[in-house]
Amino acid sequence: MGISEAELTAARLGHDAVRLSDDARALIAALERVGETKCICRNEYAVHEQVGQFTHQHLSGHAGAGAEPACARPASVPQPVGQRLPSER
């Protein structure tokens, strides 16, 4: 498509996308109420997904702590560059 995911999401603002607040403390507190969440991190080398809950996450000053791992249950293993996720096919 020749467009980044960020550009595509920005184009959907006001329709079915919402800009997140830049207040990290409030965002992390809100994620605890969401329940089970899929976290996806990807770069040019790999895709890593984890499914779990954000529980007992706290930020204070310049540090953060979590009593339990956020998104602790892996959903898939990293994938080689060029391999697409099933949702992207």
Foldseek 3Di string as FASTA:
>chain_A
DPDDPVRVLVVCPPPPHDDDDPPVQVVLVVQQVVFWDWDWDDDQAWIWIAIGGSPQWGDDDPDIDRPDDHRPHTPDDIDGGPDDDPVVD
